[in-house]
């Protein structure tokens, strides 16, 4: 199965996980598309000043892959600058959030897999 994320339907998510502003989400693959542990694959565009609020995951792992832009990532209480090419692993039970405090959009892929 091949899907081009540039052409997938776009949705607007307001205040994602309690964050600021609106982000654009493209649901490239969903749980029903996979036969393994994957839950989803998303493309997300975060305009300047937007954020995904700090939130916790249960029995899953999530990977943020930054394709473009830069921002402030909080992972388990630790803040770090992230930018193009960075990959962030969000572990089960951990907390994380991403803030676009730059003047350019952040473009990222988010992949999530369940451990159960």
PDB file of N, CA and C in Angstrom:
ATOM      1  N   UNK A   1       0.850  -1.167   0.000  1.00  0.00           N
ATOM      2  CA  UNK A   1       0.000   0.000   0.000  1.00  0.00           C
ATOM      3  C   UNK A   1       0.898   1.233   0.000  1.00  0.00           C
ATOM      4  N   UNK A   2       0.585   2.154  -0.885  1.00  0.00           N
ATOM      5  CA  UNK A   2       1.359   3.393  -0.979  1.00  0.00           C
ATOM      6  C   UNK A   2       0.394   4.565  -0.845  1.00  0.00           C
ATOM      7  N   UNK A   3       0.760   5.496   0.014  1.00  0.00           N
ATOM      8  CA  UNK A   3       0.017   6.745   0.150  1.00  0.00           C
ATOM      9  C   UNK A   3       1.020   7.884   0.188  1.00  0.00           C
ATOM     10  N   UNK A   4       0.694   8.956  -0.458  1.00  0.00           N
ATOM     11  CA  UNK A   4       1.541  10.138  -0.473  1.00  0.00           C
ATOM     12  C   UNK A   4       0.965  11.135   0.521  1.00  0.00           C
ATOM     13  N   UNK A   5       1.701  11.429   1.589  1.00  0.00           N
ATOM     14  CA  UNK A   5       1.162  12.301   2.636  1.00  0.00           C
ATOM     15  C   UNK A   5       0.904  13.723   2.154  1.00  0.00           C
ATOM     16  N   UNK A   6       1.506  14.119   1.063  1.00  0.00           N
ATOM     17  CA  UNK A   6       1.265  15.461   0.532  1.00  0.00           C
ATOM     18  C   UNK A   6      -0.151  15.616  -0.016  1.00  0.00           C
ATOM     19  N   UNK A   7      -0.795  14.480  -0.311  1.00  0.00           N
ATOM     20  CA  UNK A   7      -2.108  14.517  -0.934  1.00  0.00           C
ATOM     21  C   UNK A   7      -3.222  13.956  -0.054  1.00  0.00           C
ATOM     22  N   UNK A   8      -2.949  13.657   1.185  1.00  0.00           N
ATOM     23  CA  UNK A   8      -3.976  13.138   2.095  1.00  0.00           C
ATOM     24  C   UNK A   8      -4.871  14.272   2.589  1.00  0.00           C
ATOM     25  N   UNK A   9      -6.100  13.923   2.941  1.00  0.00           N
ATOM     26  CA  UNK A   9      -7.052  14.902   3.455  1.00  0.00           C
ATOM     27  C   UNK A   9      -6.491  15.586   4.696  1.00  0.00           C
ATOM     28  N   UNK A  10      -6.712  16.889   4.787  1.00  0.00           N
ATOM     29  CA  UNK A  10      -6.196  17.692   5.892  1.00  0.00           C
ATOM     30  C   UNK A  10      -7.322  18.038   6.856  1.00  0.00           C
ATOM     31  N   UNK A  11      -7.017  17.945   8.147  1.00  0.00           N
ATOM     32  CA  UNK A  11      -7.951  18.334   9.192  1.00  0.00           C
ATOM     33  C   UNK A  11      -7.274  19.388  10.055  1.00  0.00           C
ATOM     34  N   UNK A  12      -8.076  20.219  10.681  1.00  0.00           N
ATOM     35  CA  UNK A  12      -7.551  21.198  11.622  1.00  0.00           C
ATOM     36  C   UNK A  12      -7.872  20.732  13.026  1.00  0.00           C
ATOM     37  N   UNK A  13      -6.862  20.700  13.880  1.00  0.00           N
ATOM     38  CA  UNK A  13      -7.039  20.335  15.289  1.00  0.00           C
ATOM     39  C   UNK A  13      -6.785  21.581  16.130  1.00  0.00           C
ATOM     40  N   UNK A  14      -7.815  22.028  16.809  1.00  0.00           N
ATOM     41  CA  UNK A  14      -7.704  23.193  17.694  1.00  0.00           C
ATOM     42  C   UNK A  14      -7.216  22.738  19.065  1.00  0.00           C
ATOM     43  N   UNK A  15      -6.243  23.419  19.610  1.00  0.00           N
ATOM     44  CA  UNK A  15      -5.763  23.186  20.978  1.00  0.00           C
ATOM     45  C   UNK A  15      -5.411  21.708  21.222  1.00  0.00           C
ATOM     46  N   UNK A  16      -4.587  21.158  20.360  1.00  0.00           N
ATOM     47  CA  UNK A  16      -4.185  19.753  20.455  1.00  0.00           C
ATOM     48  C   UNK A  16      -3.587  19.439  21.828  1.00  0.00           C
ATOM     49  N   UNK A  17      -4.157  18.481  22.511  1.00  0.00           N
ATOM     50  CA  UNK A  17      -3.717  18.085  23.863  1.00  0.00           C
ATOM     51  C   UNK A  17      -3.631  19.286  24.799  1.00  0.00           C
ATOM     52  N   UNK A  18      -4.535  20.244  24.621  1.00  0.00           N
ATOM     53  CA  UNK A  18      -4.546  21.430  25.477  1.00  0.00           C
ATOM     54  C   UNK A  18      -3.539  22.488  25.080  1.00  0.00           C
ATOM     55  N   UNK A  19      -2.962  22.348  23.896  1.00  0.00           N
ATOM     56  CA  UNK A  19      -1.962  23.302  23.425  1.00  0.00           C
ATOM     57  C   UNK A  19      -2.581  24.572  22.873  1.00  0.00           C
ATOM     58  N   UNK A  20      -1.730  25.431  22.326  1.00  0.00           N
ATOM     59  CA  UNK A  20      -2.131  26.729  21.791  1.00  0.00           C
ATOM     60  C   UNK A  20      -2.419  26.642  20.292  1.00  0.00           C
ATOM     61  N   UNK A  21      -3.431  27.369  19.856  1.00  0.00           N
ATOM     62  CA  UNK A  21      -3.697  27.541  18.438  1.00  0.00           C
ATOM     63  C   UNK A  21      -4.203  26.290  17.743  1.00  0.00           C
ATOM     64  N   UNK A  22      -4.106  26.317  16.411  1.00  0.00           N
ATOM     65  CA  UNK A  22      -4.579  25.224  15.563  1.00  0.00           C
ATOM     66  C   UNK A  22      -3.405  24.627  14.795  1.00  0.00           C
ATOM     67  N   UNK A  23      -3.439  23.317  14.628  1.00  0.00           N
ATOM     68  CA  UNK A  23      -2.444  22.622  13.822  1.00  0.00           C
ATOM     69  C   UNK A  23      -3.171  21.869  12.715  1.00  0.00           C
ATOM     70  N   UNK A  24      -2.445  21.572  11.658  1.00  0.00           N
ATOM     71  CA  UNK A  24      -3.000  20.818  10.535  1.00  0.00           C
ATOM     72  C   UNK A  24      -2.545  19.372  10.664  1.00  0.00           C
ATOM     73  N   UNK A  25      -3.483  18.426  10.538  1.00  0.00           N
ATOM     74  CA  UNK A  25      -3.186  17.004  10.691  1.00  0.00           C
ATOM     75  C   UNK A  25      -3.644  16.250   9.445  1.00  0.00           C
ATOM     76  N   UNK A  26      -2.775  15.378   8.958  1.00  0.00           N
ATOM     77  CA  UNK A  26      -3.125  14.478   7.864  1.00  0.00           C
ATOM     78  C   UNK A  26      -2.955  13.054   8.372  1.00  0.00           C
ATOM     79  N   UNK A  27      -4.056  12.320   8.421  1.00  0.00           N
ATOM     80  CA  UNK A  27      -4.025  10.932   8.879  1.00  0.00           C
ATOM     81  C   UNK A  27      -3.680  10.046   7.687  1.00  0.00           C
ATOM     82  N   UNK A  28      -2.398   9.754   7.553  1.00  0.00           N
ATOM     83  CA  UNK A  28      -1.914   9.013   6.398  1.00  0.00           C
ATOM     84  C   UNK A  28      -2.290   7.538   6.516  1.00  0.00           C
ATOM     85  N   UNK A  29      -2.008   6.952   7.668  1.00  0.00           N
ATOM     86  CA  UNK A  29      -2.401   5.571   7.944  1.00  0.00           C
ATOM     87  C   UNK A  29      -3.060   5.518   9.317  1.00  0.00           C
ATOM     88  N   UNK A  30      -4.073   4.663   9.440  1.00  0.00           N
ATOM     89  CA  UNK A  30      -4.787   4.471  10.704  1.00  0.00           C
ATOM     90  C   UNK A  30      -4.651   3.016  11.130  1.00  0.00           C
ATOM     91  N   UNK A  31      -5.072   2.730  12.330  1.00  0.00           N
ATOM     92  CA  UNK A  31      -4.945   1.382  12.916  1.00  0.00           C
ATOM     93  C   UNK A  31      -5.437   0.292  11.959  1.00  0.00           C
ATOM     94  N   UNK A  32      -6.567   0.513  11.314  1.00  0.00           N
ATOM     95  CA  UNK A  32      -7.162  -0.497  10.421  1.00  0.00           C
ATOM     96  C   UNK A  32      -6.286  -0.809   9.207  1.00  0.00           C
ATOM     97  N   UNK A  33      -5.342   0.071   8.882  1.00  0.00           N
ATOM     98  CA  UNK A  33      -4.468  -0.150   7.736  1.00  0.00           C
ATOM     99  C   UNK A  33      -3.327  -1.116   8.033  1.00  0.00           C
ATOM    100  N   UNK A  34      -3.035  -1.336   9.305  1.00  0.00           N
ATOM    101  CA  UNK A  34      -1.877  -2.130   9.718  1.00  0.00           C
ATOM    102  C   UNK A  34      -2.280  -3.538  10.148  1.00  0.00           C
ATOM    103  N   UNK A  35      -1.348  -4.467  10.033  1.00  0.00           N
ATOM    104  CA  UNK A  35      -1.568  -5.805  10.570  1.00  0.00           C
ATOM    105  C   UNK A  35      -0.697  -6.048  11.806  1.00  0.00           C
ATOM    106  N   UNK A  36       0.158  -5.102  12.129  1.00  0.00           N
ATOM    107  CA  UNK A  36       1.037  -5.221  13.294  1.00  0.00           C
ATOM    108  C   UNK A  36       0.622  -4.286  14.406  1.00  0.00           C
ATOM    109  N   UNK A  37       1.598  -3.837  15.184  1.00  0.00           N
ATOM    110  CA  UNK A  37       1.354  -3.042  16.395  1.00  0.00           C
ATOM    111  C   UNK A  37       1.167  -1.552  16.130  1.00  0.00           C
ATOM    112  N   UNK A  38       1.295  -1.106  14.891  1.00  0.00           N
ATOM    113  CA  UNK A  38       1.186   0.319  14.581  1.00  0.00           C
ATOM    114  C   UNK A  38      -0.233   0.831  14.806  1.00  0.00           C
ATOM    115  N   UNK A  39      -0.345   2.018  15.391  1.00  0.00           N
ATOM    116  CA  UNK A  39      -1.647   2.663  15.601  1.00  0.00           C
ATOM    117  C   UNK A  39      -1.945   3.686  14.513  1.00  0.00           C
ATOM    118  N   UNK A  40      -0.948   4.499  14.168  1.00  0.00           N
ATOM    119  CA  UNK A  40      -1.167   5.511  13.142  1.00  0.00           C
ATOM    120  C   UNK A  40       0.150   6.078  12.641  1.00  0.00           C
ATOM    121  N   UNK A  41       0.041   6.757  11.482  1.00  0.00           N
ATOM    122  CA  UNK A  41       1.117   7.569  10.920  1.00  0.00           C
ATOM    123  C   UNK A  41       0.467   8.872  10.488  1.00  0.00           C
ATOM    124  N   UNK A  42       0.927   9.990  11.053  1.00  0.00           N
ATOM    125  CA  UNK A  42       0.351  11.303  10.795  1.00  0.00           C
ATOM    126  C   UNK A  42       1.411  12.250  10.253  1.00  0.00           C
ATOM    127  N   UNK A  43       0.972  13.166   9.422  1.00  0.00           N
ATOM    128  CA  UNK A  43       1.792  14.322   9.061  1.00  0.00           C
ATOM    129  C   UNK A  43       1.140  15.515   9.742  1.00  0.00           C
ATOM    130  N   UNK A  44       1.946  16.329  10.423  1.00  0.00           N
ATOM    131  CA  UNK A  44       1.432  17.470  11.175  1.00  0.00           C
ATOM    132  C   UNK A  44       2.187  18.725  10.757  1.00  0.00           C
ATOM    133  N   UNK A  45       1.439  19.808  10.547  1.00  0.00           N
ATOM    134  CA  UNK A  45       2.025  21.118  10.295  1.00  0.00           C
ATOM    135  C   UNK A  45       1.610  22.019  11.460  1.00  0.00           C
ATOM    136  N   UNK A  46       2.608  22.575  12.147  1.00  0.00           N
ATOM    137  CA  UNK A  46       2.373  23.459  13.293  1.00  0.00           C
ATOM    138  C   UNK A  46       2.832  24.872  12.925  1.00  0.00           C
ATOM    139  N   UNK A  47       1.894  25.809  12.775  1.00  0.00           N
ATOM    140  CA  UNK A  47       2.299  27.178  12.470  1.00  0.00           C
ATOM    141  C   UNK A  47       3.028  27.835  13.640  1.00  0.00           C
ATOM    142  N   UNK A  48       3.743  28.914  13.390  1.00  0.00           N
ATOM    143  CA  UNK A  48       4.385  29.649  14.486  1.00  0.00           C
ATOM    144  C   UNK A  48       3.360  30.006  15.569  1.00  0.00           C
ATOM    145  N   UNK A  49       3.773  29.864  16.822  1.00  0.00           N
ATOM    146  CA  UNK A  49       2.916  30.186  17.959  1.00  0.00           C
ATOM    147  C   UNK A  49       1.986  29.076  18.391  1.00  0.00           C
ATOM    148  N   UNK A  50       1.936  27.962  17.655  1.00  0.00           N
ATOM    149  CA  UNK A  50       1.070  26.844  18.040  1.00  0.00           C
ATOM    150  C   UNK A  50       1.849  25.828  18.878  1.00  0.00           C
ATOM    151  N   UNK A  51       1.105  24.943  19.520  1.00  0.00           N
ATOM    152  CA  UNK A  51       1.760  23.897  20.319  1.00  0.00           C
ATOM    153  C   UNK A  51       0.862  22.687  20.444  1.00  0.00           C
ATOM    154  N   UNK A  52       1.502  21.554  20.740  1.00  0.00           N
ATOM    155  CA  UNK A  52       0.808  20.355  21.198  1.00  0.00           C
ATOM    156  C   UNK A  52       1.094  20.307  22.684  1.00  0.00           C
ATOM    157  N   UNK A  53       0.052  20.392  23.485  1.00  0.00           N
ATOM    158  CA  UNK A  53       0.225  20.480  24.923  1.00  0.00           C
ATOM    159  C   UNK A  53       0.863  19.241  25.531  1.00  0.00           C
ATOM    160  N   UNK A  54       1.398  19.431  26.710  1.00  0.00           N
ATOM    161  CA  UNK A  54       2.022  18.343  27.451  1.00  0.00           C
ATOM    162  C   UNK A  54       0.980  17.269  27.732  1.00  0.00           C
ATOM    163  N   UNK A  55       1.288  16.024  27.365  1.00  0.00           N
ATOM    164  CA  UNK A  55       0.358  14.922  27.575  1.00  0.00           C
ATOM    165  C   UNK A  55       1.126  13.623  27.798  1.00  0.00           C
ATOM    166  N   UNK A  56       0.415  12.643  28.314  1.00  0.00           N
ATOM    167  CA  UNK A  56       1.017  11.356  28.680  1.00  0.00           C
ATOM    168  C   UNK A  56       0.412  10.247  27.837  1.00  0.00           C
ATOM    169  N   UNK A  57       1.241   9.279  27.510  1.00  0.00           N
ATOM    170  CA  UNK A  57       0.780   8.087  26.799  1.00  0.00           C
ATOM    171  C   UNK A  57       0.762   6.905  27.759  1.00  0.00           C
ATOM    172  N   UNK A  58      -0.064   5.928  27.450  1.00  0.00           N
ATOM    173  CA  UNK A  58      -0.147   4.715  28.264  1.00  0.00           C
ATOM    174  C   UNK A  58       0.774   3.637  27.722  1.00  0.00           C
ATOM    175  N   UNK A  59       0.177   2.632  27.141  1.00  0.00           N
ATOM    176  CA  UNK A  59       0.904   1.456  26.649  1.00  0.00           C
ATOM    177  C   UNK A  59       1.284   1.590  25.181  1.00  0.00           C
ATOM    178  N   UNK A  60       1.872   2.705  24.809  1.00  0.00           N
ATOM    179  CA  UNK A  60       2.315   2.862  23.432  1.00  0.00           C
ATOM    180  C   UNK A  60       3.589   3.703  23.374  1.00  0.00           C
ATOM    181  N   UNK A  61       4.255   3.606  22.245  1.00  0.00           N
ATOM    182  CA  UNK A  61       5.428   4.424  21.976  1.00  0.00           C
ATOM    183  C   UNK A  61       5.117   5.296  20.773  1.00  0.00           C
ATOM    184  N   UNK A  62       5.679   6.495  20.791  1.00  0.00           N
ATOM    185  CA  UNK A  62       5.416   7.439  19.723  1.00  0.00           C
ATOM    186  C   UNK A  62       6.737   8.064  19.276  1.00  0.00           C
ATOM    187  N   UNK A  63       6.873   8.233  17.969  1.00  0.00           N
ATOM    188  CA  UNK A  63       8.080   8.826  17.396  1.00  0.00           C
ATOM    189  C   UNK A  63       7.689  10.094  16.644  1.00  0.00           C
ATOM    190  N   UNK A  64       8.343  11.215  16.984  1.00  0.00           N
ATOM    191  CA  UNK A  64       8.209  12.458  16.240  1.00  0.00           C
ATOM    192  C   UNK A  64       9.432  12.565  15.336  1.00  0.00           C
ATOM    193  N   UNK A  65       9.204  12.770  14.045  1.00  0.00           N
ATOM    194  CA  UNK A  65      10.282  12.940  13.080  1.00  0.00           C
ATOM    195  C   UNK A  65      10.119  14.328  12.474  1.00  0.00           C
ATOM    196  N   UNK A  66      11.035  15.238  12.797  1.00  0.00           N
ATOM    197  CA  UNK A  66      10.937  16.615  12.319  1.00  0.00           C
ATOM    198  C   UNK A  66      11.498  16.729  10.906  1.00  0.00           C
ATOM    199  N   UNK A  67      10.614  17.050   9.967  1.00  0.00           N
ATOM    200  CA  UNK A  67      11.001  17.193   8.571  1.00  0.00           C
ATOM    201  C   UNK A  67      11.483  18.602   8.268  1.00  0.00           C
ATOM    202  N   UNK A  68      10.918  19.582   9.006  1.00  0.00           N
ATOM    203  CA  UNK A  68      11.315  20.965   8.785  1.00  0.00           C
ATOM    204  C   UNK A  68      10.897  21.798   9.994  1.00  0.00           C
ATOM    205  N   UNK A  69      11.568  22.923  10.169  1.00  0.00           N
ATOM    206  CA  UNK A  69      11.259  23.834  11.258  1.00  0.00           C
ATOM    207  C   UNK A  69      12.007  23.486  12.533  1.00  0.00           C
ATOM    208  N   UNK A  70      11.694  24.247  13.579  1.00  0.00           N
ATOM    209  CA  UNK A  70      12.328  24.023  14.875  1.00  0.00           C
ATOM    210  C   UNK A  70      11.402  24.493  15.978  1.00  0.00           C
ATOM    211  N   UNK A  71      11.609  23.935  17.162  1.00  0.00           N
ATOM    212  CA  UNK A  71      10.767  24.314  18.291  1.00  0.00           C
ATOM    213  C   UNK A  71      11.340  23.820  19.603  1.00  0.00           C
ATOM    214  N   UNK A  72      10.503  23.887  20.625  1.00  0.00           N
ATOM    215  CA  UNK A  72      10.897  23.484  21.977  1.00  0.00           C
ATOM    216  C   UNK A  72      10.115  22.235  22.351  1.00  0.00           C
ATOM    217  N   UNK A  73      10.838  21.134  22.553  1.00  0.00           N
ATOM    218  CA  UNK A  73      10.250  19.844  22.902  1.00  0.00           C
ATOM    219  C   UNK A  73      10.428  19.617  24.399  1.00  0.00           C
ATOM    220  N   UNK A  74       9.360  19.228  25.050  1.00  0.00           N
ATOM    221  CA  UNK A  74       9.433  18.843  26.458  1.00  0.00           C
ATOM    222  C   UNK A  74       9.170  17.351  26.534  1.00  0.00           C
ATOM    223  N   UNK A  75      10.122  16.624  27.090  1.00  0.00           N
ATOM    224  CA  UNK A  75      10.003  15.173  27.238  1.00  0.00           C
ATOM    225  C   UNK A  75      10.341  14.815  28.676  1.00  0.00           C
ATOM    226  N   UNK A  76       9.344  14.254  29.378  1.00  0.00           N
ATOM    227  CA  UNK A  76       9.522  13.846  30.779  1.00  0.00           C
ATOM    228  C   UNK A  76      10.124  14.966  31.624  1.00  0.00           C
ATOM    229  N   UNK A  77       9.599  16.185  31.430  1.00  0.00           N
ATOM    230  CA  UNK A  77      10.018  17.326  32.225  1.00  0.00           C
ATOM    231  C   UNK A  77      11.277  18.034  31.756  1.00  0.00           C
ATOM    232  N   UNK A  78      11.913  17.526  30.716  1.00  0.00           N
ATOM    233  CA  UNK A  78      13.155  18.118  30.206  1.00  0.00           C
ATOM    234  C   UNK A  78      12.885  18.856  28.899  1.00  0.00           C
ATOM    235  N   UNK A  79      13.252  20.128  28.823  1.00  0.00           N
ATOM    236  CA  UNK A  79      13.075  20.926  27.619  1.00  0.00           C
ATOM    237  C   UNK A  79      14.337  20.891  26.770  1.00  0.00           C
ATOM    238  N   UNK A  80      14.146  20.718  25.447  1.00  0.00           N
ATOM    239  CA  UNK A  80      15.272  20.701  24.513  1.00  0.00           C
ATOM    240  C   UNK A  80      14.843  21.346  23.204  1.00  0.00           C
ATOM    241  N   UNK A  81      15.774  22.020  22.555  1.00  0.00           N
ATOM    242  CA  UNK A  81      15.533  22.536  21.209  1.00  0.00           C
ATOM    243  C   UNK A  81      15.567  21.362  20.235  1.00  0.00           C
ATOM    244  N   UNK A  82      14.629  21.334  19.302  1.00  0.00           N
ATOM    245  CA  UNK A  82      14.608  20.313  18.255  1.00  0.00           C
ATOM    246  C   UNK A  82      14.459  21.007  16.910  1.00  0.00           C
ATOM    247  N   UNK A  83      14.962  20.350  15.874  1.00  0.00           N
ATOM    248  CA  UNK A  83      14.887  20.919  14.542  1.00  0.00           C
ATOM    249  C   UNK A  83      14.937  19.853  13.475  1.00  0.00           C
ATOM    250  N   UNK A  84      14.989  20.320  12.251  1.00  0.00           N
ATOM    251  CA  UNK A  84      14.984  19.450  11.077  1.00  0.00           C
ATOM    252  C   UNK A  84      15.945  18.283  11.242  1.00  0.00           C
ATOM    253  N   UNK A  85      15.411  17.079  11.012  1.00  0.00           N
ATOM    254  CA  UNK A  85      16.220  15.871  11.100  1.00  0.00           C
ATOM    255  C   UNK A  85      16.181  15.189  12.457  1.00  0.00           C
ATOM    256  N   UNK A  86      15.707  15.881  13.484  1.00  0.00           N
ATOM    257  CA  UNK A  86      15.638  15.264  14.812  1.00  0.00           C
ATOM    258  C   UNK A  86      14.499  14.253  14.877  1.00  0.00           C
ATOM    259  N   UNK A  87      14.757  13.169  15.598  1.00  0.00           N
ATOM    260  CA  UNK A  87      13.750  12.138  15.862  1.00  0.00           C
ATOM    261  C   UNK A  87      13.625  12.020  17.369  1.00  0.00           C
ATOM    262  N   UNK A  88      12.403  12.118  17.872  1.00  0.00           N
ATOM    263  CA  UNK A  88      12.156  12.113  19.311  1.00  0.00           C
ATOM    264  C   UNK A  88      11.328  10.878  19.652  1.00  0.00           C
ATOM    265  N   UNK A  89      11.846  10.038  20.541  1.00  0.00           N
ATOM    266  CA  UNK A  89      11.127   8.849  20.992  1.00  0.00           C
ATOM    267  C   UNK A  89      10.403   9.168  22.291  1.00  0.00           C
ATOM    268  N   UNK A  90       9.096   9.049  22.257  1.00  0.00           N
ATOM    269  CA  UNK A  90       8.254   9.261  23.430  1.00  0.00           C
ATOM    270  C   UNK A  90       7.857   7.886  23.961  1.00  0.00           C
ATOM    271  N   UNK A  91       8.385   7.543  25.117  1.00  0.00           N
ATOM    272  CA  UNK A  91       8.231   6.192  25.673  1.00  0.00           C
ATOM    273  C   UNK A  91       6.899   5.995  26.392  1.00  0.00           C
ATOM    274  N   UNK A  92       6.497   4.737  26.587  1.00  0.00           N
ATOM    275  CA  UNK A  92       5.256   4.446  27.312  1.00  0.00           C
ATOM    276  C   UNK A  92       5.279   5.074  28.710  1.00  0.00           C
ATOM    277  N   UNK A  93       4.167   5.688  29.086  1.00  0.00           N
ATOM    278  CA  UNK A  93       4.064   6.305  30.404  1.00  0.00           C
ATOM    279  C   UNK A  93       4.749   7.646  30.520  1.00  0.00           C
ATOM    280  N   UNK A  94       5.443   8.075  29.480  1.00  0.00           N
ATOM    281  CA  UNK A  94       6.157   9.354  29.516  1.00  0.00           C
ATOM    282  C   UNK A  94       5.247  10.512  29.143  1.00  0.00           C
ATOM    283  N   UNK A  95       5.724  11.721  29.418  1.00  0.00           N
ATOM    284  CA  UNK A  95       4.992  12.922  29.035  1.00  0.00           C
ATOM    285  C   UNK A  95       5.801  13.693  28.003  1.00  0.00           C
ATOM    286  N   UNK A  96       5.094  14.364  27.106  1.00  0.00           N
ATOM    287  CA  UNK A  96       5.771  15.156  26.085  1.00  0.00           C
ATOM    288  C   UNK A  96       4.827  16.195  25.496  1.00  0.00           C
ATOM    289  N   UNK A  97       5.422  17.236  24.941  1.00  0.00           N
ATOM    290  CA  UNK A  97       4.710  18.299  24.253  1.00  0.00           C
ATOM    291  C   UNK A  97       5.680  19.030  23.358  1.00  0.00           C
ATOM    292  N   UNK A  98       5.145  19.724  22.357  1.00  0.00           N
ATOM    293  CA  UNK A  98       5.984  20.439  21.403  1.00  0.00           C
ATOM    294  C   UNK A  98       5.417  21.829  21.176  1.00  0.00           C
ATOM    295  N   UNK A  99       6.280  22.835  21.253  1.00  0.00           N
ATOM    296  CA  UNK A  99       5.883  24.228  21.054  1.00  0.00           C
ATOM    297  C   UNK A  99       6.651  24.803  19.878  1.00  0.00           C
ATOM    298  N   UNK A 100       5.923  25.425  18.946  1.00  0.00           N
ATOM    299  CA  UNK A 100       6.585  26.125  17.851  1.00  0.00           C
ATOM    300  C   UNK A 100       6.781  27.578  18.270  1.00  0.00           C
ATOM    301  N   UNK A 101       7.944  27.852  18.806  1.00  0.00           N
ATOM    302  CA  UNK A 101       8.277  29.205  19.254  1.00  0.00           C
ATOM    303  C   UNK A 101       9.140  29.935  18.222  1.00  0.00           C
ATOM    304  N   UNK A 102       9.148  29.419  16.993  1.00  0.00           N
ATOM    305  CA  UNK A 102       9.937  30.039  15.920  1.00  0.00           C
ATOM    306  C   UNK A 102       9.014  30.863  15.018  1.00  0.00           C
ATOM    307  N   UNK A 103       9.592  31.403  13.946  1.00  0.00           N
ATOM    308  CA  UNK A 103       8.801  32.197  13.003  1.00  0.00           C
ATOM    309  C   UNK A 103       8.490  31.424  11.719  1.00  0.00           C
ATOM    310  N   UNK A 104       8.736  30.095  11.729  1.00  0.00           N
ATOM    311  CA  UNK A 104       8.466  29.228  10.573  1.00  0.00           C
ATOM    312  C   UNK A 104       7.626  28.032  11.017  1.00  0.00           C
ATOM    313  N   UNK A 105       6.845  27.455  10.121  1.00  0.00           N
ATOM    314  CA  UNK A 105       6.078  26.259  10.490  1.00  0.00           C
ATOM    315  C   UNK A 105       6.994  25.078  10.813  1.00  0.00           C
ATOM    316  N   UNK A 106       6.509  24.204  11.678  1.00  0.00           N
ATOM    317  CA  UNK A 106       7.141  22.909  11.931  1.00  0.00           C
ATOM    318  C   UNK A 106       6.362  21.886  11.120  1.00  0.00           C
ATOM    319  N   UNK A 107       7.083  21.032  10.410  1.00  0.00           N
ATOM    320  CA  UNK A 107       6.472  19.911   9.700  1.00  0.00           C
ATOM    321  C   UNK A 107       7.036  18.638  10.305  1.00  0.00           C
ATOM    322  N   UNK A 108       6.169  17.730  10.733  1.00  0.00           N
ATOM    323  CA  UNK A 108       6.656  16.503  11.320  1.00  0.00           C
ATOM    324  C   UNK A 108       5.774  15.319  10.977  1.00  0.00           C
ATOM    325  N   UNK A 109       6.373  14.139  11.053  1.00  0.00           N
ATOM    326  CA  UNK A 109       5.654  12.881  10.967  1.00  0.00           C
ATOM    327  C   UNK A 109       5.564  12.329  12.378  1.00  0.00           C
ATOM    328  N   UNK A 110       4.422  11.766  12.720  1.00  0.00           N
ATOM    329  CA  UNK A 110       4.243  11.131  14.034  1.00  0.00           C
ATOM    330  C   UNK A 110       3.805   9.698  13.786  1.00  0.00           C
ATOM    331  N   UNK A 111       4.571   8.750  14.342  1.00  0.00           N
ATOM    332  CA  UNK A 111       4.273   7.334  14.227  1.00  0.00           C
ATOM    333  C   UNK A 111       4.030   6.800  15.631  1.00  0.00           C
ATOM    334  N   UNK A 112       2.990   5.965  15.786  1.00  0.00           N
ATOM    335  CA  UNK A 112       2.711   5.400  17.100  1.00  0.00           C
ATOM    336  C   UNK A 112       2.447   3.906  16.985  1.00  0.00           C
ATOM    337  N   UNK A 113       2.994   3.156  17.938  1.00  0.00           N
ATOM    338  CA  UNK A 113       2.787   1.713  18.002  1.00  0.00           C
ATOM    339  C   UNK A 113       2.383   1.332  19.422  1.00  0.00           C
ATOM    340  N   UNK A 114       1.471   0.371  19.535  1.00  0.00           N
ATOM    341  CA  UNK A 114       1.030  -0.120  20.837  1.00  0.00           C
ATOM    342  C   UNK A 114       1.903  -1.277  21.290  1.00  0.00           C
ATOM    343  N   UNK A 115       2.103  -1.362  22.599  1.00  0.00           N
ATOM    344  CA  UNK A 115       2.897  -2.467  23.156  1.00  0.00           C
ATOM    345  C   UNK A 115       2.019  -3.674  23.458  1.00  0.00           C
ATOM    346  N   UNK A 116       0.730  -3.474  23.530  1.00  0.00           N
ATOM    347  CA  UNK A 116      -0.183  -4.594  23.816  1.00  0.00           C
ATOM    348  C   UNK A 116      -0.819  -5.101  22.569  1.00  0.00           C
TER     349      UNK A 116
END
